[in-house]
Structures are given as structure tokens and as C-alpha cells.
Amino acid sequence: MGETLGNREVLEAEIRRLVSPDLAGDFTKATTVLLSDFPPGPVDAVFFHSRSFFDAEKQGIFILAADLIKQDKAKYLLIPDSEGERIGGTTTPRETWPGISLWTNRLVETLGVERGKILPCPHLIPGEHGFNTKTEAEAFLATSVERGFKTAVVLTQPHQIVRAMLGVVKTINQKGLPINVWCISPQSTDWNKRVKGSQGMERKPRVEHIQDEIERVLKYQAKGDIASFDELFAYLTRRDNQ
């Protein structure tokens, strides 16, 4: 599976292969909708989720992030305020991802983004620097509330967009936040590239991480940590009807 197959086709094929028929319909619908859920106009913020090593190409997701700012499609890039520490209070940098300093330098020095357009988003637990996708969403939304942002777009790789958006919707619903959020991912993805996954673990072809993502979504939904598919669809309907 390479760049010749579209992201949607790759993901939907894996969902059909890996997910039971009673769940595959909602999972496929969520994937299809979110991969085409572009904002109707400029937004206040981009929720730029961290990515593990080798999973954030300069010519892919970084170009997309930079272009959103430079083309005035978004006002600010929000990045987790972490140097890649692991969850649990460790202080070792770059254990799980390259960290905000490297990402900021790449965006500013290589891609020409104004430094003032990049906002570090601190963890909601004082002293904690290790993030996961859900706590990144909580940090992005807290910073958005502080700044008075009303619109945003979630930016991550295609196979992570469902879990990322489910986390955002869960927090929005829990806290009753008045913010409209859409999704965006790179349109072309090298599914054969060997990348690391959650918390910097296990380097393998990107396509093999799809199963891990599906399993996380179902596990976290069962625990109530992220929104259900019904809650996601209800949020999208409410957002679009405003």
C-alpha cells in the first residue's frame, strides 16, 4: 500500500478487515466524514498534534501546517508544550516525539512561519509534560478558551484523525465549550514508510499502525475516555447547523 492508493481507500479496507460488522459501519462513516471535514473558511487555531519519530514528514504534515498559517487559512498553530517526555513525570526529552523546540525551529527556520504564530499549550496537570492525544486535545482547548478562539481545525495523520477528533469532542461536550472544530490531514500518505507509534514505541510500516489506532479507539470508547460515534455525529450536526 503506497501513495497510489488514497487515504480513504486504505483506511476503509483496513476497517473492513479488522472491525466486526456491527461496529464497522460507524467506524467507516466516521473515517469517511472526518477525512473530508475541511473548515468552510479561515479558523483561529490549528491543533497540531505531536507525532512520533519518522511520522511527521517535512514535505507532508509540516508543509500543510505551515501553509495554513502562511496562506491566512489559520491564525495560530497550537503545539503541545513538551520536549517529548514520556507520561508519568519523567524529564528525559525526546522519548516519545522530537519535542516542541525542534518542531518550532523547523516551522520557523525551514518553513518560514512567524514565531509569534506558534503557541505552546501546557499540560493541564501542573508539572506534567508527558502528553497523549487526549491530553493534547485538552491543552489545545484550554488555550483556545484563554485566547477566545471560536474556530479550530485538528491536524494529524489520516489514521489518527478519528481518535483525535473523538477526544476533542469529548472535552467540548464535557465542558460545554463554544468552539467549532473541523479536521484536516495530508492528502497523500506513504503507508509503507516505517514510523514509530504511540509514546515512541514500535517502528513499523505506517499501514500496520492502523490496527493499533482502531484498537485504541474501541478501548477508549469503552472506558468513556473519548466520545462515542453517536456523540461525534451529533456534534458535527450541531456544528454544521449553527
Protein backbone atom coordinates (compact mmCIF):
# COMPACT_ATOMS: atom_id res chain seq x y z
CA MET A 1 0.00 0.00 0.00
CA GLY A 2 1.60 3.26 -1.08
CA GLU A 3 0.78 6.71 -2.29
CA THR A 4 -1.09 5.30 -5.29
CA LEU A 5 -3.98 4.36 -3.01
CA GLY A 6 -5.96 7.19 -1.44
CA ASN A 7 -6.05 7.55 2.32
CA ARG A 8 -9.75 6.80 2.47
CA GLU A 9 -9.43 3.59 0.46
CA VAL A 10 -6.56 2.33 2.62
CA LEU A 11 -8.34 3.08 5.89
CA GLU A 12 -11.71 1.74 4.84
CA ALA A 13 -10.12 -1.50 3.62
CA GLU A 14 -8.38 -1.96 6.96
CA ILE A 15 -11.59 -1.21 8.88
CA ARG A 16 -13.48 -3.85 6.93
CA ARG A 17 -10.69 -6.34 7.61
CA LEU A 18 -10.24 -5.61 11.31
CA VAL A 19 -13.54 -4.40 12.75
CA SER A 20 -16.59 -6.55 13.46
CA PRO A 21 -19.57 -5.90 11.16
CA ASP A 22 -21.66 -4.36 13.94
CA LEU A 23 -19.04 -1.66 14.52
CA ALA A 24 -17.54 -1.29 11.05
CA GLY A 25 -20.39 0.87 9.75
CA ASP A 26 -19.95 3.66 12.28
CA PHE A 27 -16.15 3.45 12.12
CA THR A 28 -16.17 3.69 8.34
CA LYS A 29 -18.68 6.54 8.39
CA ALA A 30 -16.58 8.49 10.91
CA THR A 31 -13.42 7.95 8.87
CA THR A 32 -15.07 8.98 5.62
CA VAL A 33 -16.64 12.09 7.12
CA LEU A 34 -13.58 13.31 9.00
CA LEU A 35 -11.21 12.84 6.06
CA SER A 36 -13.34 15.35 4.14
CA ASP A 37 -14.30 17.60 7.06
CA PHE A 38 -12.47 20.71 5.89
CA PRO A 39 -13.37 24.05 7.52
CA PRO A 40 -15.57 26.32 5.40
CA GLY A 41 -13.25 29.28 5.92
CA PRO A 42 -10.26 30.54 7.93
CA VAL A 43 -10.00 29.32 11.53
CA ASP A 44 -8.48 30.79 14.67
CA ALA A 45 -6.27 27.83 15.52
CA VAL A 46 -4.68 24.63 14.25
CA PHE A 47 -4.46 21.84 16.81
CA PHE A 48 -1.10 20.42 15.64
CA HIS A 49 -0.89 17.07 17.42
CA SER A 50 2.56 15.67 18.15
CA ARG A 51 3.70 12.74 16.08
CA SER A 52 6.20 10.05 16.95
CA PHE A 53 9.56 9.72 15.25
CA PHE A 54 9.55 9.50 11.43
CA ASP A 55 5.74 10.05 11.37
CA ALA A 56 5.78 13.80 10.66
CA GLU A 57 7.42 14.37 7.30
CA LYS A 58 8.78 17.81 6.43
CA GLN A 59 7.17 17.53 3.00
CA GLY A 60 3.85 16.26 4.34
CA ILE A 61 2.19 17.31 7.54
CA PHE A 62 4.66 20.13 8.24
CA ILE A 63 4.14 21.75 4.86
CA LEU A 64 0.40 21.55 5.46
CA ALA A 65 0.73 23.16 8.90
CA ALA A 66 2.93 25.95 7.56
CA ASP A 67 0.70 26.63 4.57
CA LEU A 68 -2.38 27.01 6.77
CA ILE A 69 -0.64 29.93 8.51
CA LYS A 70 1.18 31.46 5.56
CA GLN A 71 -1.94 31.38 3.37
CA ASP A 72 -4.03 33.01 6.13
CA LYS A 73 -6.24 29.95 6.50
CA ALA A 74 -5.46 29.88 10.22
CA LYS A 75 -4.17 32.45 12.70
CA TYR A 76 -2.16 30.27 15.10
CA LEU A 77 -0.53 26.85 15.35
CA LEU A 78 -1.06 25.23 18.75
CA ILE A 79 1.60 22.68 19.76
CA PRO A 80 1.89 20.62 22.97
CA ASP A 81 4.35 22.30 25.37
CA SER A 82 6.57 19.26 25.71
CA GLU A 83 10.05 18.23 24.70
CA GLY A 84 8.87 14.69 24.10
CA GLU A 85 8.86 13.47 27.70
CA ARG A 86 7.03 10.25 28.48
CA ILE A 87 3.82 10.30 30.54
CA GLY A 88 4.39 9.87 34.26
CA GLY A 89 6.68 12.69 35.32
CA THR A 90 9.90 11.71 33.55
CA THR A 91 12.17 14.55 32.46
CA THR A 92 14.03 12.82 29.63
CA PRO A 93 13.41 14.72 26.37
CA ARG A 94 12.60 13.14 23.01
CA GLU A 95 11.44 9.81 24.41
CA THR A 96 8.07 9.88 22.65
CA TRP A 97 8.41 12.58 19.95
CA PRO A 98 11.01 15.16 18.86
CA GLY A 99 9.54 17.93 21.03
CA ILE A 100 8.32 21.50 20.69
CA SER A 101 11.77 23.09 20.27
CA LEU A 102 12.67 21.01 17.22
CA TRP A 103 9.20 21.43 15.73
CA THR A 104 9.23 25.19 16.29
CA ASN A 105 12.68 25.53 14.71
CA ARG A 106 11.56 23.52 11.71
CA LEU A 107 8.43 25.62 11.26
CA VAL A 108 10.22 28.94 11.72
CA GLU A 109 13.68 28.45 10.23
CA THR A 110 12.89 25.96 7.46
CA LEU A 111 9.28 26.70 6.55
CA GLY A 112 9.04 30.43 7.26
CA VAL A 113 6.28 30.51 9.87
CA GLU A 114 6.35 33.57 12.13
CA ARG A 115 7.44 32.52 15.62
CA GLY A 116 4.62 34.53 17.17
CA LYS A 117 2.11 32.37 15.31
CA ILE A 118 3.15 29.28 17.29
CA LEU A 119 1.53 28.85 20.70
CA PRO A 120 2.83 26.27 23.21
CA CYS A 121 -0.03 24.60 25.09
CA PRO A 122 0.84 23.43 28.63
CA HIS A 123 -0.46 20.24 30.20
CA LEU A 124 -3.48 20.77 32.43
CA ILE A 125 -1.76 18.86 35.26
CA PRO A 126 0.86 21.16 36.84
CA GLY A 127 4.38 19.77 36.42
CA GLU A 128 3.34 17.11 33.88
CA HIS A 129 4.95 17.30 30.45
CA GLY A 130 4.11 13.89 29.02
CA PHE A 131 1.12 14.01 26.66
CA ASN A 132 -1.16 11.60 24.90
CA THR A 133 -3.63 12.53 22.16
CA LYS A 134 -6.49 13.16 24.59
CA THR A 135 -4.48 15.39 26.95
CA GLU A 136 -3.11 17.28 23.94
CA ALA A 137 -6.70 17.99 22.93
CA GLU A 138 -7.49 19.20 26.46
CA ALA A 139 -4.45 21.51 26.36
CA PHE A 140 -5.37 22.85 22.93
CA LEU A 141 -8.92 23.57 24.03
CA ALA A 142 -7.84 25.22 27.29
CA THR A 143 -5.51 27.54 25.38
CA SER A 144 -8.29 28.26 22.88
CA VAL A 145 -10.65 29.26 25.68
CA GLU A 146 -7.99 31.52 27.23
CA ARG A 147 -7.39 33.19 23.87
CA GLY A 148 -11.07 33.49 22.96
CA PHE A 149 -10.77 31.28 19.89
CA LYS A 150 -14.08 30.18 18.37
CA THR A 151 -12.90 28.00 15.48
CA ALA A 152 -10.15 25.44 15.03
CA VAL A 153 -9.00 22.53 12.93
CA VAL A 154 -7.45 19.27 14.14
CA LEU A 155 -4.31 18.37 12.18
CA THR A 156 -2.83 14.88 12.34
CA GLN A 157 -2.10 11.90 10.12
CA PRO A 158 -5.11 10.25 8.42
CA HIS A 159 -5.18 7.08 10.51
CA GLN A 160 -5.17 9.11 13.74
CA ILE A 161 -7.85 11.66 12.83
CA VAL A 162 -10.81 9.67 14.21
CA ARG A 163 -9.27 9.15 17.65
CA ALA A 164 -8.01 12.74 17.79
CA MET A 165 -11.42 14.20 16.94
CA LEU A 166 -13.23 11.87 19.35
CA GLY A 167 -11.01 13.24 22.12
CA VAL A 168 -11.75 16.83 21.14
CA VAL A 169 -15.50 16.21 21.03
CA LYS A 170 -15.43 14.51 24.43
CA THR A 171 -13.81 17.54 26.07
CA ILE A 172 -16.04 20.03 24.24
CA ASN A 173 -19.15 18.16 25.41
CA GLN A 174 -17.94 17.70 28.98
CA LYS A 175 -17.08 21.38 29.43
CA GLY A 176 -19.73 22.88 27.17
CA LEU A 177 -17.14 24.79 25.15
CA PRO A 178 -18.41 27.21 22.46
CA ILE A 179 -15.91 26.23 19.77
CA ASN A 180 -16.37 24.77 16.30
CA VAL A 181 -13.70 22.28 15.25
CA TRP A 182 -13.04 20.64 11.87
CA CYS A 183 -10.37 18.20 10.67
CA ILE A 184 -7.55 18.14 8.16
CA SER A 185 -4.89 15.59 7.19
CA PRO A 186 -2.27 15.29 4.44
CA GLN A 187 -3.97 14.24 1.21
CA SER A 188 -1.14 11.88 0.21
CA THR A 189 0.39 9.41 2.65
CA ASP A 190 3.24 6.91 2.27
CA TRP A 191 1.68 3.92 4.02
CA ASN A 192 4.83 1.79 3.62
CA LYS A 193 7.11 4.20 5.47
CA ARG A 194 8.44 2.76 8.74
CA VAL A 195 7.41 5.05 11.60
CA LYS A 196 7.09 4.81 15.36
CA GLY A 197 3.73 4.75 17.08
CA SER A 198 2.13 5.76 20.37
CA GLN A 199 4.58 7.01 23.03
CA GLY A 200 7.50 6.45 20.66
CA MET A 201 7.09 2.68 20.58
CA GLU A 202 7.48 0.06 17.84
CA ARG A 203 8.75 1.26 14.49
CA LYS A 204 6.93 -0.49 11.63
CA PRO A 205 5.22 0.36 8.31
CA ARG A 206 2.63 3.07 8.83
CA VAL A 207 -0.14 0.87 7.46
CA GLU A 208 0.44 -1.57 10.34
CA HIS A 209 -0.29 1.20 12.85
CA ILE A 210 -3.90 1.39 11.58
CA GLN A 211 -4.84 -1.70 13.59
CA ASP A 212 -3.31 -0.14 16.72
CA GLU A 213 -5.39 3.01 16.18
CA ILE A 214 -8.61 1.06 15.71
CA GLU A 215 -7.97 -0.92 18.88
CA ARG A 216 -7.28 2.27 20.85
CA VAL A 217 -10.48 3.91 19.66
CA LEU A 218 -12.62 0.97 20.73
CA LYS A 219 -10.77 0.57 24.04
CA TYR A 220 -11.00 4.26 24.96
CA GLN A 221 -14.65 4.48 23.92
CA ALA A 222 -15.45 1.52 26.18
CA LYS A 223 -13.77 3.36 29.08
CA GLY A 224 -15.57 6.62 28.27
CA ASP A 225 -12.31 8.49 27.70
CA ILE A 226 -13.31 9.67 24.22
CA ALA A 227 -16.64 10.37 22.53
CA SER A 228 -18.82 7.64 21.08
CA PHE A 229 -19.57 7.69 17.37
CA ASP A 230 -23.12 8.86 18.14
CA GLU A 231 -21.69 11.77 20.13
CA LEU A 232 -19.31 12.61 17.28
CA PHE A 233 -22.08 12.65 14.67
CA ALA A 234 -24.33 14.70 16.96
CA TYR A 235 -21.53 17.26 17.44
CA LEU A 236 -20.91 17.53 13.70
CA THR A 237 -24.62 18.03 13.04
CA ARG A 238 -24.88 20.69 15.75
CA ARG A 239 -21.77 22.46 14.48
CA ASP A 240 -22.93 22.49 10.87
CA ASN A 241 -26.42 23.70 11.78
CA GLN A 242 -25.17 26.79 13.58
